Amino acid sequence: MQHFETLTEAMESLREKGYTHEFRPKRDYLEETGTGLKLKTEEFNVDEFHRFEGTSDPGDEMTLYAISTANGMKGVFVSAQGTYANEVTSELMQKFSLSERREVNTDGAVKPIQAIGLEESKQ
């Protein structure tokens, strides 16, 4: 998967791949912003994601999710850090927890840094 420097670059690339709709989370579902279509967690998949961090402010962290629906609709959901913390159920946000899901392309994920010498000290 391609690495993008900006959120705008990533969104443009996804649009070229057919991710033309925009989604936003509501209490326990995603809503397509143009039509108001409501999607429960079993009605959509997260295909890939790209994480962006602010250069000077950690509060500027955002994650862009590429989403496809059971009926073939493809779109994006942009999540700013902490934005939906009090507005969305934990069940819906669990759908976006990708660390344990092998079917999601996680190449855009921020990888943890391995400390030098840490492995040797465990032995």
PDB file of N, CA and C in Angstrom:
ATOM      1  N   MET A   1       0.849  -1.173   0.000  1.00  0.00           N
ATOM      2  CA  MET A   1       0.000   0.000   0.000  1.00  0.00           C
ATOM      3  C   MET A   1       0.890   1.228   0.000  1.00  0.00           C
ATOM      4  N   GLN A   2       0.459   2.235  -0.685  1.00  0.00           N
ATOM      5  CA  GLN A   2       1.200   3.484  -0.803  1.00  0.00           C
ATOM      6  C   GLN A   2       1.151   4.278   0.497  1.00  0.00           C
ATOM      7  N   HIS A   3       2.262   4.929   0.824  1.00  0.00           N
ATOM      8  CA  HIS A   3       2.314   5.808   1.992  1.00  0.00           C
ATOM      9  C   HIS A   3       2.012   7.223   1.527  1.00  0.00           C
ATOM     10  N   PHE A   4       1.156   7.916   2.240  1.00  0.00           N
ATOM     11  CA  PHE A   4       0.769   9.276   1.880  1.00  0.00           C
ATOM     12  C   PHE A   4       1.285  10.249   2.917  1.00  0.00           C
ATOM     13  N   GLU A   5       1.723  11.410   2.452  1.00  0.00           N
ATOM     14  CA  GLU A   5       2.198  12.453   3.344  1.00  0.00           C
ATOM     15  C   GLU A   5       1.041  13.237   3.962  1.00  0.00           C
ATOM     16  N   THR A   6      -0.066  13.386   3.214  1.00  0.00           N
ATOM     17  CA  THR A   6      -1.184  14.184   3.706  1.00  0.00           C
ATOM     18  C   THR A   6      -2.497  13.415   3.591  1.00  0.00           C
ATOM     19  N   LEU A   7      -3.436  13.833   4.403  1.00  0.00           N
ATOM     20  CA  LEU A   7      -4.781  13.272   4.363  1.00  0.00           C
ATOM     21  C   LEU A   7      -5.418  13.506   2.997  1.00  0.00           C
ATOM     22  N   THR A   8      -5.201  14.674   2.428  1.00  0.00           N
ATOM     23  CA  THR A   8      -5.771  15.010   1.126  1.00  0.00           C
ATOM     24  C   THR A   8      -5.273  14.054   0.037  1.00  0.00           C
ATOM     25  N   GLU A   9      -3.980  13.757   0.027  1.00  0.00           N
ATOM     26  CA  GLU A   9      -3.429  12.818  -0.955  1.00  0.00           C
ATOM     27  C   GLU A   9      -4.092  11.448  -0.828  1.00  0.00           C
ATOM     28  N   ALA A  10      -4.236  10.979   0.391  1.00  0.00           N
ATOM     29  CA  ALA A  10      -4.837   9.664   0.622  1.00  0.00           C
ATOM     30  C   ALA A  10      -6.293   9.640   0.171  1.00  0.00           C
ATOM     31  N   MET A  11      -7.035  10.703   0.487  1.00  0.00           N
ATOM     32  CA  MET A  11      -8.450  10.749   0.092  1.00  0.00           C
ATOM     33  C   MET A  11      -8.592  10.777  -1.421  1.00  0.00           C
ATOM     34  N   GLU A  12      -7.736  11.507  -2.107  1.00  0.00           N
ATOM     35  CA  GLU A  12      -7.781  11.554  -3.574  1.00  0.00           C
ATOM     36  C   GLU A  12      -7.482  10.180  -4.174  1.00  0.00           C
ATOM     37  N   SER A  13      -6.500   9.504  -3.628  1.00  0.00           N
ATOM     38  CA  SER A  13      -6.166   8.169  -4.117  1.00  0.00           C
ATOM     39  C   SER A  13      -7.329   7.199  -3.922  1.00  0.00           C
ATOM     40  N   LEU A  14      -7.959   7.273  -2.759  1.00  0.00           N
ATOM     41  CA  LEU A  14      -9.102   6.392  -2.498  1.00  0.00           C
ATOM     42  C   LEU A  14     -10.281   6.735  -3.412  1.00  0.00           C
ATOM     43  N   ARG A  15     -10.495   8.012  -3.684  1.00  0.00           N
ATOM     44  CA  ARG A  15     -11.567   8.394  -4.622  1.00  0.00           C
ATOM     45  C   ARG A  15     -11.332   7.763  -5.991  1.00  0.00           C
ATOM     46  N   GLU A  16     -10.077   7.764  -6.430  1.00  0.00           N
ATOM     47  CA  GLU A  16      -9.738   7.146  -7.713  1.00  0.00           C
ATOM     48  C   GLU A  16     -10.019   5.649  -7.708  1.00  0.00           C
ATOM     49  N   LYS A  17      -9.997   5.027  -6.531  1.00  0.00           N
ATOM     50  CA  LYS A  17     -10.297   3.597  -6.389  1.00  0.00           C
ATOM     51  C   LYS A  17     -11.790   3.348  -6.170  1.00  0.00           C
ATOM     52  N   GLY A  18     -12.599   4.406  -6.221  1.00  0.00           N
ATOM     53  CA  GLY A  18     -14.044   4.234  -6.082  1.00  0.00           C
ATOM     54  C   GLY A  18     -14.618   4.544  -4.718  1.00  0.00           C
ATOM     55  N   TYR A  19     -13.813   4.992  -3.775  1.00  0.00           N
ATOM     56  CA  TYR A  19     -14.301   5.342  -2.436  1.00  0.00           C
ATOM     57  C   TYR A  19     -14.810   6.787  -2.476  1.00  0.00           C
ATOM     58  N   THR A  20     -16.014   6.948  -2.985  1.00  0.00           N
ATOM     59  CA  THR A  20     -16.546   8.284  -3.262  1.00  0.00           C
ATOM     60  C   THR A  20     -17.545   8.794  -2.228  1.00  0.00           C
ATOM     61  N   HIS A  21     -18.020   7.946  -1.363  1.00  0.00           N
ATOM     62  CA  HIS A  21     -18.992   8.360  -0.349  1.00  0.00           C
ATOM     63  C   HIS A  21     -18.273   8.760   0.930  1.00  0.00           C
ATOM     64  N   GLU A  22     -18.970   9.520   1.759  1.00  0.00           N
ATOM     65  CA  GLU A  22     -18.419   9.894   3.059  1.00  0.00           C
ATOM     66  C   GLU A  22     -19.341   9.367   4.151  1.00  0.00           C
ATOM     67  N   PHE A  23     -18.721   8.829   5.185  1.00  0.00           N
ATOM     68  CA  PHE A  23     -19.461   8.268   6.306  1.00  0.00           C
ATOM     69  C   PHE A  23     -19.103   9.028   7.577  1.00  0.00           C
ATOM     70  N   ARG A  24     -20.054   9.028   8.514  1.00  0.00           N
ATOM     71  CA  ARG A  24     -19.785   9.565   9.842  1.00  0.00           C
ATOM     72  C   ARG A  24     -20.484   8.654  10.846  1.00  0.00           C
ATOM     73  N   PRO A  25     -19.868   8.510  12.003  1.00  0.00           N
ATOM     74  CA  PRO A  25     -20.465   7.623  13.003  1.00  0.00           C
ATOM     75  C   PRO A  25     -21.595   8.315  13.743  1.00  0.00           C
ATOM     76  N   LYS A  26     -22.589   7.555  14.029  1.00  0.00           N
ATOM     77  CA  LYS A  26     -23.665   7.967  14.924  1.00  0.00           C
ATOM     78  C   LYS A  26     -23.623   6.985  16.084  1.00  0.00           C
ATOM     79  N   ARG A  27     -24.516   7.049  16.962  1.00  0.00           N
ATOM     80  CA  ARG A  27     -24.502   6.255  18.192  1.00  0.00           C
ATOM     81  C   ARG A  27     -24.022   4.805  17.997  1.00  0.00           C
ATOM     82  N   ASP A  28     -24.748   3.993  17.235  1.00  0.00           N
ATOM     83  CA  ASP A  28     -24.353   2.598  17.033  1.00  0.00           C
ATOM     84  C   ASP A  28     -24.352   2.193  15.562  1.00  0.00           C
ATOM     85  N   TYR A  29     -24.168   3.165  14.667  1.00  0.00           N
ATOM     86  CA  TYR A  29     -24.117   2.874  13.237  1.00  0.00           C
ATOM     87  C   TYR A  29     -23.302   3.938  12.515  1.00  0.00           C
ATOM     88  N   LEU A  30     -22.938   3.641  11.261  1.00  0.00           N
ATOM     89  CA  LEU A  30     -22.330   4.635  10.380  1.00  0.00           C
ATOM     90  C   LEU A  30     -23.428   5.195   9.499  1.00  0.00           C
ATOM     91  N   GLU A  31     -23.329   6.474   9.197  1.00  0.00           N
ATOM     92  CA  GLU A  31     -24.311   7.111   8.320  1.00  0.00           C
ATOM     93  C   GLU A  31     -23.593   7.662   7.093  1.00  0.00           C
ATOM     94  N   GLU A  32     -24.136   7.367   5.913  1.00  0.00           N
ATOM     95  CA  GLU A  32     -23.609   7.944   4.682  1.00  0.00           C
ATOM     96  C   GLU A  32     -24.147   9.363   4.618  1.00  0.00           C
ATOM     97  N   THR A  33     -23.267  10.357   4.483  1.00  0.00           N
ATOM     98  CA  THR A  33     -23.672  11.747   4.647  1.00  0.00           C
ATOM     99  C   THR A  33     -24.591  12.259   3.543  1.00  0.00           C
ATOM    100  N   GLY A  34     -24.496  11.735   2.345  1.00  0.00           N
ATOM    101  CA  GLY A  34     -25.333  12.225   1.249  1.00  0.00           C
ATOM    102  C   GLY A  34     -26.756  11.696   1.267  1.00  0.00           C
ATOM    103  N   THR A  35     -26.901  10.428   1.610  1.00  0.00           N
ATOM    104  CA  THR A  35     -28.216   9.784   1.537  1.00  0.00           C
ATOM    105  C   THR A  35     -28.845   9.534   2.902  1.00  0.00           C
ATOM    106  N   GLY A  36     -28.024   9.574   3.955  1.00  0.00           N
ATOM    107  CA  GLY A  36     -28.530   9.260   5.285  1.00  0.00           C
ATOM    108  C   GLY A  36     -28.640   7.766   5.537  1.00  0.00           C
ATOM    109  N   LEU A  37     -28.123   6.938   4.613  1.00  0.00           N
ATOM    110  CA  LEU A  37     -28.146   5.491   4.774  1.00  0.00           C
ATOM    111  C   LEU A  37     -27.449   5.113   6.073  1.00  0.00           C
ATOM    112  N   LYS A  38     -28.105   4.271   6.892  1.00  0.00           N
ATOM    113  CA  LYS A  38     -27.566   3.840   8.173  1.00  0.00           C
ATOM    114  C   LYS A  38     -27.031   2.422   8.038  1.00  0.00           C
ATOM    115  N   LEU A  39     -25.791   2.223   8.513  1.00  0.00           N
ATOM    116  CA  LEU A  39     -25.140   0.927   8.403  1.00  0.00           C
ATOM    117  C   LEU A  39     -24.727   0.420   9.776  1.00  0.00           C
ATOM    118  N   LYS A  40     -25.229  -0.737  10.151  1.00  0.00           N
ATOM    119  CA  LYS A  40     -24.807  -1.404  11.383  1.00  0.00           C
ATOM    120  C   LYS A  40     -23.440  -2.055  11.135  1.00  0.00           C
ATOM    121  N   THR A  41     -22.771  -2.463  12.193  1.00  0.00           N
ATOM    122  CA  THR A  41     -21.409  -2.975  12.059  1.00  0.00           C
ATOM    123  C   THR A  41     -21.294  -4.169  11.114  1.00  0.00           C
ATOM    124  N   GLU A  42     -22.305  -4.998  11.036  1.00  0.00           N
ATOM    125  CA  GLU A  42     -22.235  -6.173  10.157  1.00  0.00           C
ATOM    126  C   GLU A  42     -22.483  -5.820   8.688  1.00  0.00           C
ATOM    127  N   GLU A  43     -22.834  -4.579   8.390  1.00  0.00           N
ATOM    128  CA  GLU A  43     -23.155  -4.178   7.022  1.00  0.00           C
ATOM    129  C   GLU A  43     -22.015  -3.457   6.300  1.00  0.00           C
ATOM    130  N   PHE A  44     -20.864  -3.310   6.958  1.00  0.00           N
ATOM    131  CA  PHE A  44     -19.726  -2.687   6.290  1.00  0.00           C
ATOM    132  C   PHE A  44     -18.422  -3.319   6.746  1.00  0.00           C
ATOM    133  N   ASN A  45     -17.390  -3.126   5.929  1.00  0.00           N
ATOM    134  CA  ASN A  45     -16.045  -3.608   6.242  1.00  0.00           C
ATOM    135  C   ASN A  45     -15.050  -2.471   6.127  1.00  0.00           C
ATOM    136  N   VAL A  46     -14.022  -2.523   6.941  1.00  0.00           N
ATOM    137  CA  VAL A  46     -12.914  -1.591   6.827  1.00  0.00           C
ATOM    138  C   VAL A  46     -11.884  -2.274   5.932  1.00  0.00           C
ATOM    139  N   ASP A  47     -11.623  -1.693   4.763  1.00  0.00           N
ATOM    140  CA  ASP A  47     -10.716  -2.293   3.788  1.00  0.00           C
ATOM    141  C   ASP A  47      -9.258  -1.903   4.018  1.00  0.00           C
ATOM    142  N   GLU A  48      -9.035  -0.676   4.413  1.00  0.00           N
ATOM    143  CA  GLU A  48      -7.683  -0.206   4.709  1.00  0.00           C
ATOM    144  C   GLU A  48      -7.780   1.064   5.528  1.00  0.00           C
ATOM    145  N   PHE A  49      -6.652   1.467   6.078  1.00  0.00           N
ATOM    146  CA  PHE A  49      -6.646   2.728   6.809  1.00  0.00           C
ATOM    147  C   PHE A  49      -5.290   3.385   6.701  1.00  0.00           C
ATOM    148  N   HIS A  50      -5.283   4.693   6.931  1.00  0.00           N
ATOM    149  CA  HIS A  50      -4.065   5.494   6.880  1.00  0.00           C
ATOM    150  C   HIS A  50      -4.092   6.429   8.080  1.00  0.00           C
ATOM    151  N   ARG A  51      -3.007   6.431   8.844  1.00  0.00           N
ATOM    152  CA  ARG A  51      -2.947   7.259  10.035  1.00  0.00           C
ATOM    153  C   ARG A  51      -2.005   8.431   9.787  1.00  0.00           C
ATOM    154  N   PHE A  52      -2.424   9.604  10.250  1.00  0.00           N
ATOM    155  CA  PHE A  52      -1.640  10.820  10.083  1.00  0.00           C
ATOM    156  C   PHE A  52      -1.459  11.471  11.442  1.00  0.00           C
ATOM    157  N   GLU A  53      -0.245  11.924  11.716  1.00  0.00           N
ATOM    158  CA  GLU A  53       0.046  12.584  12.978  1.00  0.00           C
ATOM    159  C   GLU A  53       0.429  14.029  12.708  1.00  0.00           C
ATOM    160  N   GLY A  54      -0.011  14.916  13.577  1.00  0.00           N
ATOM    161  CA  GLY A  54       0.346  16.319  13.452  1.00  0.00           C
ATOM    162  C   GLY A  54       1.833  16.511  13.661  1.00  0.00           C
ATOM    163  N   THR A  55       2.437  17.428  12.914  1.00  0.00           N
ATOM    164  CA  THR A  55       3.875  17.636  13.031  1.00  0.00           C
ATOM    165  C   THR A  55       4.259  18.284  14.352  1.00  0.00           C
ATOM    166  N   SER A  56       3.380  19.112  14.896  1.00  0.00           N
ATOM    167  CA  SER A  56       3.740  19.777  16.153  1.00  0.00           C
ATOM    168  C   SER A  56       2.753  19.523  17.283  1.00  0.00           C
ATOM    169  N   ASP A  57       1.563  19.024  16.964  1.00  0.00           N
ATOM    170  CA  ASP A  57       0.534  18.826  17.978  1.00  0.00           C
ATOM    171  C   ASP A  57      -0.020  17.416  17.889  1.00  0.00           C
ATOM    172  N   PRO A  58       0.217  16.576  18.897  1.00  0.00           N
ATOM    173  CA  PRO A  58      -0.321  15.211  18.873  1.00  0.00           C
ATOM    174  C   PRO A  58      -1.847  15.182  18.760  1.00  0.00           C
ATOM    175  N   GLY A  59      -2.512  16.261  19.136  1.00  0.00           N
ATOM    176  CA  GLY A  59      -3.963  16.337  19.020  1.00  0.00           C
ATOM    177  C   GLY A  59      -4.441  16.419  17.588  1.00  0.00           C
ATOM    178  N   ASP A  60      -3.516  16.610  16.650  1.00  0.00           N
ATOM    179  CA  ASP A  60      -3.874  16.670  15.237  1.00  0.00           C
ATOM    180  C   ASP A  60      -3.913  15.291  14.588  1.00  0.00           C
ATOM    181  N   GLU A  61      -3.754  14.229  15.371  1.00  0.00           N
ATOM    182  CA  GLU A  61      -3.748  12.880  14.817  1.00  0.00           C
ATOM    183  C   GLU A  61      -5.105  12.557  14.199  1.00  0.00           C
ATOM    184  N   MET A  62      -5.064  11.976  12.991  1.00  0.00           N
ATOM    185  CA  MET A  62      -6.285  11.565  12.293  1.00  0.00           C
ATOM    186  C   MET A  62      -6.057  10.206  11.661  1.00  0.00           C
ATOM    187  N   THR A  63      -7.152   9.470  11.500  1.00  0.00           N
ATOM    188  CA  THR A  63      -7.101   8.200  10.805  1.00  0.00           C
ATOM    189  C   THR A  63      -8.173   8.219   9.722  1.00  0.00           C
ATOM    190  N   LEU A  64      -7.770   7.821   8.523  1.00  0.00           N
ATOM    191  CA  LEU A  64      -8.668   7.734   7.378  1.00  0.00           C
ATOM    192  C   LEU A  64      -8.961   6.260   7.136  1.00  0.00           C
ATOM    193  N   TYR A  65     -10.235   5.892   7.158  1.00  0.00           N
ATOM    194  CA  TYR A  65     -10.657   4.516   6.927  1.00  0.00           C
ATOM    195  C   TYR A  65     -11.329   4.410   5.566  1.00  0.00           C
ATOM    196  N   ALA A  66     -10.946   3.405   4.781  1.00  0.00           N
ATOM    197  CA  ALA A  66     -11.623   3.083   3.525  1.00  0.00           C
ATOM    198  C   ALA A  66     -12.642   1.997   3.849  1.00  0.00           C
ATOM    199  N   ILE A  67     -13.900   2.267   3.529  1.00  0.00           N
ATOM    200  CA  ILE A  67     -15.008   1.399   3.936  1.00  0.00           C
ATOM    201  C   ILE A  67     -15.777   0.927   2.714  1.00  0.00           C
ATOM    202  N   SER A  68     -16.153  -0.342   2.716  1.00  0.00           N
ATOM    203  CA  SER A  68     -17.054  -0.868   1.687  1.00  0.00           C
ATOM    204  C   SER A  68     -18.257  -1.492   2.386  1.00  0.00           C
ATOM    205  N   THR A  69     -19.403  -1.385   1.726  1.00  0.00           N
ATOM    206  CA  THR A  69     -20.642  -1.883   2.324  1.00  0.00           C
ATOM    207  C   THR A  69     -21.087  -3.167   1.644  1.00  0.00           C
ATOM    208  N   ALA A  70     -22.018  -3.844   2.264  1.00  0.00           N
ATOM    209  CA  ALA A  70     -22.555  -5.089   1.724  1.00  0.00           C
ATOM    210  C   ALA A  70     -23.235  -4.867   0.369  1.00  0.00           C
ATOM    211  N   ASN A  71     -23.763  -3.652   0.140  1.00  0.00           N
ATOM    212  CA  ASN A  71     -24.449  -3.385  -1.128  1.00  0.00           C
ATOM    213  C   ASN A  71     -23.523  -2.783  -2.184  1.00  0.00           C
ATOM    214  N   GLY A  72     -22.205  -2.760  -1.931  1.00  0.00           N
ATOM    215  CA  GLY A  72     -21.242  -2.301  -2.928  1.00  0.00           C
ATOM    216  C   GLY A  72     -20.831  -0.842  -2.836  1.00  0.00           C
ATOM    217  N   MET A  73     -21.401  -0.092  -1.917  1.00  0.00           N
ATOM    218  CA  MET A  73     -21.027   1.310  -1.743  1.00  0.00           C
ATOM    219  C   MET A  73     -19.635   1.371  -1.118  1.00  0.00           C
ATOM    220  N   LYS A  74     -18.810   2.298  -1.602  1.00  0.00           N
ATOM    221  CA  LYS A  74     -17.465   2.473  -1.048  1.00  0.00           C
ATOM    222  C   LYS A  74     -17.283   3.940  -0.659  1.00  0.00           C
ATOM    223  N   GLY A  75     -16.659   4.153   0.498  1.00  0.00           N
ATOM    224  CA  GLY A  75     -16.460   5.514   0.949  1.00  0.00           C
ATOM    225  C   GLY A  75     -15.407   5.592   2.032  1.00  0.00           C
ATOM    226  N   VAL A  76     -15.309   6.766   2.638  1.00  0.00           N
ATOM    227  CA  VAL A  76     -14.289   7.019   3.648  1.00  0.00           C
ATOM    228  C   VAL A  76     -14.917   7.549   4.930  1.00  0.00           C
ATOM    229  N   PHE A  77     -14.189   7.349   6.007  1.00  0.00           N
ATOM    230  CA  PHE A  77     -14.542   7.883   7.312  1.00  0.00           C
ATOM    231  C   PHE A  77     -13.251   8.432   7.903  1.00  0.00           C
ATOM    232  N   VAL A  78     -13.241   9.705   8.258  1.00  0.00           N
ATOM    233  CA  VAL A  78     -12.075  10.339   8.861  1.00  0.00           C
ATOM    234  C   VAL A  78     -12.352  10.508  10.351  1.00  0.00           C
ATOM    235  N   SER A  79     -11.469   9.958  11.164  1.00  0.00           N
ATOM    236  CA  SER A  79     -11.621  10.024  12.607  1.00  0.00           C
ATOM    237  C   SER A  79     -10.471  10.823  13.195  1.00  0.00           C
ATOM    238  N   ALA A  80     -10.796  11.951  13.797  1.00  0.00           N
ATOM    239  CA  ALA A  80      -9.789  12.724  14.517  1.00  0.00           C
ATOM    240  C   ALA A  80      -9.685  12.149  15.918  1.00  0.00           C
ATOM    241  N   GLN A  81      -8.515  12.191  16.504  1.00  0.00           N
ATOM    242  CA  GLN A  81      -8.296  11.594  17.825  1.00  0.00           C
ATOM    243  C   GLN A  81      -9.274  12.148  18.848  1.00  0.00           C
ATOM    244  N   GLY A  82     -10.041  11.245  19.450  1.00  0.00           N
ATOM    245  CA  GLY A  82     -10.942  11.628  20.521  1.00  0.00           C
ATOM    246  C   GLY A  82     -12.245  12.287  20.097  1.00  0.00           C
ATOM    247  N   THR A  83     -12.416  12.554  18.810  1.00  0.00           N
ATOM    248  CA  THR A  83     -13.588  13.286  18.358  1.00  0.00           C
ATOM    249  C   THR A  83     -14.892  12.591  18.703  1.00  0.00           C
ATOM    250  N   TYR A  84     -14.956  11.268  18.524  1.00  0.00           N
ATOM    251  CA  TYR A  84     -16.216  10.546  18.699  1.00  0.00           C
ATOM    252  C   TYR A  84     -16.268   9.786  20.021  1.00  0.00           C
ATOM    253  N   ALA A  85     -15.374  10.074  20.929  1.00  0.00           N
ATOM    254  CA  ALA A  85     -15.241   9.288  22.153  1.00  0.00           C
ATOM    255  C   ALA A  85     -16.540   9.190  22.943  1.00  0.00           C
ATOM    256  N   ASN A  86     -17.317  10.251  23.019  1.00  0.00           N
ATOM    257  CA  ASN A  86     -18.524  10.231  23.832  1.00  0.00           C
ATOM    258  C   ASN A  86     -19.808  10.081  23.018  1.00  0.00           C
ATOM    259  N   GLU A  87     -19.702  10.027  21.703  1.00  0.00           N
ATOM    260  CA  GLU A  87     -20.891  10.012  20.853  1.00  0.00           C
ATOM    261  C   GLU A  87     -21.214   8.645  20.258  1.00  0.00           C
ATOM    262  N   VAL A  88     -20.293   7.695  20.369  1.00  0.00           N
ATOM    263  CA  VAL A  88     -20.424   6.433  19.653  1.00  0.00           C
ATOM    264  C   VAL A  88     -20.296   5.275  20.629  1.00  0.00           C
ATOM    265  N   THR A  89     -21.055   4.210  20.367  1.00  0.00           N
ATOM    266  CA  THR A  89     -20.979   3.039  21.231  1.00  0.00           C
ATOM    267  C   THR A  89     -19.642   2.329  21.056  1.00  0.00           C
ATOM    268  N   SER A  90     -19.238   1.620  22.085  1.00  0.00           N
ATOM    269  CA  SER A  90     -17.976   0.879  22.021  1.00  0.00           C
ATOM    270  C   SER A  90     -18.050  -0.226  20.969  1.00  0.00           C
ATOM    271  N   GLU A  91     -19.237  -0.773  20.729  1.00  0.00           N
ATOM    272  CA  GLU A  91     -19.399  -1.815  19.709  1.00  0.00           C
ATOM    273  C   GLU A  91     -19.074  -1.284  18.319  1.00  0.00           C
ATOM    274  N   LEU A  92     -19.520  -0.072  18.021  1.00  0.00           N
ATOM    275  CA  LEU A  92     -19.230   0.503  16.707  1.00  0.00           C
ATOM    276  C   LEU A  92     -17.735   0.797  16.589  1.00  0.00           C
ATOM    277  N   MET A  93     -17.135   1.399  17.598  1.00  0.00           N
ATOM    278  CA  MET A  93     -15.722   1.732  17.513  1.00  0.00           C
ATOM    279  C   MET A  93     -14.846   0.483  17.492  1.00  0.00           C
ATOM    280  N   GLN A  94     -15.322  -0.620  18.049  1.00  0.00           N
ATOM    281  CA  GLN A  94     -14.573  -1.868  17.993  1.00  0.00           C
ATOM    282  C   GLN A  94     -14.372  -2.320  16.548  1.00  0.00           C
ATOM    283  N   LYS A  95     -15.311  -1.990  15.680  1.00  0.00           N
ATOM    284  CA  LYS A  95     -15.192  -2.334  14.263  1.00  0.00           C
ATOM    285  C   LYS A  95     -13.949  -1.677  13.652  1.00  0.00           C
ATOM    286  N   PHE A  96     -13.524  -0.546  14.217  1.00  0.00           N
ATOM    287  CA  PHE A  96     -12.367   0.171  13.697  1.00  0.00           C
ATOM    288  C   PHE A  96     -11.077  -0.184  14.428  1.00  0.00           C
ATOM    289  N   SER A  97     -11.140  -1.092  15.393  1.00  0.00           N
ATOM    290  CA  SER A  97      -9.952  -1.591  16.075  1.00  0.00           C
ATOM    291  C   SER A  97      -9.362  -2.694  15.201  1.00  0.00           C
ATOM    292  N   LEU A  98      -8.259  -2.405  14.542  1.00  0.00           N
ATOM    293  CA  LEU A  98      -7.781  -3.258  13.464  1.00  0.00           C
ATOM    294  C   LEU A  98      -6.607  -4.155  13.819  1.00  0.00           C
ATOM    295  N   SER A  99      -6.075  -4.046  14.996  1.00  0.00           N
ATOM    296  CA  SER A  99      -4.849  -4.766  15.318  1.00  0.00           C
ATOM    297  C   SER A  99      -4.997  -6.283  15.249  1.00  0.00           C
ATOM    298  N   GLU A 100      -6.166  -6.809  15.508  1.00  0.00           N
ATOM    299  CA  GLU A 100      -6.361  -8.254  15.523  1.00  0.00           C
ATOM    300  C   GLU A 100      -7.033  -8.791  14.260  1.00  0.00           C
ATOM    301  N   ARG A 101      -7.251  -7.947  13.271  1.00  0.00           N
ATOM    302  CA  ARG A 101      -7.994  -8.375  12.082  1.00  0.00           C
ATOM    303  C   ARG A 101      -7.061  -8.479  10.889  1.00  0.00           C
ATOM    304  N   ARG A 102      -6.760  -9.693  10.479  1.00  0.00           N
ATOM    305  CA  ARG A 102      -5.805  -9.942   9.401  1.00  0.00           C
ATOM    306  C   ARG A 102      -6.317  -9.514   8.028  1.00  0.00           C
ATOM    307  N   GLU A 103      -7.626  -9.421   7.835  1.00  0.00           N
ATOM    308  CA  GLU A 103      -8.162  -9.107   6.509  1.00  0.00           C
ATOM    309  C   GLU A 103      -8.042  -7.632   6.142  1.00  0.00           C
ATOM    310  N   VAL A 104      -7.663  -6.795   7.093  1.00  0.00           N
ATOM    311  CA  VAL A 104      -7.538  -5.359   6.841  1.00  0.00           C
ATOM    312  C   VAL A 104      -6.099  -5.034   6.495  1.00  0.00           C
ATOM    313  N   ASN A 105      -5.922  -4.253   5.433  1.00  0.00           N
ATOM    314  CA  ASN A 105      -4.598  -3.825   5.033  1.00  0.00           C
ATOM    315  C   ASN A 105      -4.116  -2.788   6.044  1.00  0.00           C
ATOM    316  N   THR A 106      -3.117  -3.141   6.841  1.00  0.00           N
ATOM    317  CA  THR A 106      -2.632  -2.254   7.897  1.00  0.00           C
ATOM    318  C   THR A 106      -1.284  -1.620   7.547  1.00  0.00           C
ATOM    319  N   ASP A 107      -0.925  -1.611   6.281  1.00  0.00           N
ATOM    320  CA  ASP A 107       0.350  -1.020   5.888  1.00  0.00           C
ATOM    321  C   ASP A 107       0.426   0.459   6.248  1.00  0.00           C
ATOM    322  N   GLY A 108      -0.716   1.129   6.374  1.00  0.00           N
ATOM    323  CA  GLY A 108      -0.717   2.541   6.727  1.00  0.00           C
ATOM    324  C   GLY A 108      -0.627   2.792   8.220  1.00  0.00           C
ATOM    325  N   ALA A 109      -0.520   1.736   8.990  1.00  0.00           N
ATOM    326  CA  ALA A 109      -0.507   1.876  10.447  1.00  0.00           C
ATOM    327  C   ALA A 109       0.835   2.391  10.948  1.00  0.00           C
ATOM    328  N   VAL A 110       0.795   3.078  12.040  1.00  0.00           N
ATOM    329  CA  VAL A 110       2.019   3.491  12.698  1.00  0.00           C
ATOM    330  C   VAL A 110       2.552   2.269  13.434  1.00  0.00           C
ATOM    331  N   LYS A 111       3.781   1.902  13.167  1.00  0.00           N
ATOM    332  CA  LYS A 111       4.385   0.725  13.779  1.00  0.00           C
ATOM    333  C   LYS A 111       5.126   1.135  15.044  1.00  0.00           C
ATOM    334  N   PRO A 112       5.076   0.303  16.088  1.00  0.00           N
ATOM    335  CA  PRO A 112       5.825   0.633  17.301  1.00  0.00           C
ATOM    336  C   PRO A 112       7.327   0.584  17.025  1.00  0.00           C
ATOM    337  N   ILE A 113       8.069   1.413  17.714  1.00  0.00           N
ATOM    338  CA  ILE A 113       9.517   1.451  17.567  1.00  0.00           C
ATOM    339  C   ILE A 113      10.115   0.411  18.500  1.00  0.00           C
ATOM    340  N   GLN A 114      11.009  -0.404  17.972  1.00  0.00           N
ATOM    341  CA  GLN A 114      11.687  -1.408  18.780  1.00  0.00           C
ATOM    342  C   GLN A 114      12.926  -0.775  19.383  1.00  0.00           C
ATOM    343  N   ALA A 115      13.004  -0.733  20.684  1.00  0.00           N
ATOM    344  CA  ALA A 115      14.151  -0.122  21.360  1.00  0.00           C
ATOM    345  C   ALA A 115      15.392  -0.971  21.145  1.00  0.00           C
ATOM    346  N   ILE A 116      16.498  -0.336  20.874  1.00  0.00           N
ATOM    347  CA  ILE A 116      17.758  -1.037  20.682  1.00  0.00           C
ATOM    348  C   ILE A 116      18.183  -1.653  22.001  1.00  0.00           C
ATOM    349  N   GLY A 117      18.551  -2.917  21.953  1.00  0.00           N
ATOM    350  CA  GLY A 117      19.023  -3.598  23.145  1.00  0.00           C
ATOM    351  C   GLY A 117      17.926  -4.188  24.008  1.00  0.00           C
ATOM    352  N   LEU A 118      16.650  -3.898  23.690  1.00  0.00           N
ATOM    353  CA  LEU A 118      15.542  -4.397  24.490  1.00  0.00           C
ATOM    354  C   LEU A 118      15.429  -5.899  24.401  1.00  0.00           C
ATOM    355  N   GLU A 119      15.581  -6.447  23.207  1.00  0.00           N
ATOM    356  CA  GLU A 119      15.470  -7.900  23.026  1.00  0.00           C
ATOM    357  C   GLU A 119      16.566  -8.640  23.779  1.00  0.00           C
ATOM    358  N   GLU A 120      17.780  -8.085  23.736  1.00  0.00           N
ATOM    359  CA  GLU A 120      18.883  -8.764  24.412  1.00  0.00           C
ATOM    360  C   GLU A 120      18.646  -8.826  25.924  1.00  0.00           C
ATOM    361  N   SER A 121      18.055  -7.786  26.497  1.00  0.00           N
ATOM    362  CA  SER A 121      17.863  -7.744  27.950  1.00  0.00           C
ATOM    363  C   SER A 121      16.780  -8.723  28.415  1.00  0.00           C
ATOM    364  N   LYS A 122      15.920  -9.163  27.512  1.00  0.00           N
ATOM    365  CA  LYS A 122      14.864 -10.117  27.887  1.00  0.00           C
ATOM    366  C   LYS A 122      15.386 -11.537  27.951  1.00  0.00           C
ATOM    367  N   GLN A 123      16.537 -11.787  27.340  1.00  0.00           N
ATOM    368  CA  GLN A 123      17.061 -13.150  27.280  1.00  0.00           C
ATOM    369  C   GLN A 123      17.853 -13.516  28.498  1.00  0.00           C
TER     370      GLN A 123
END
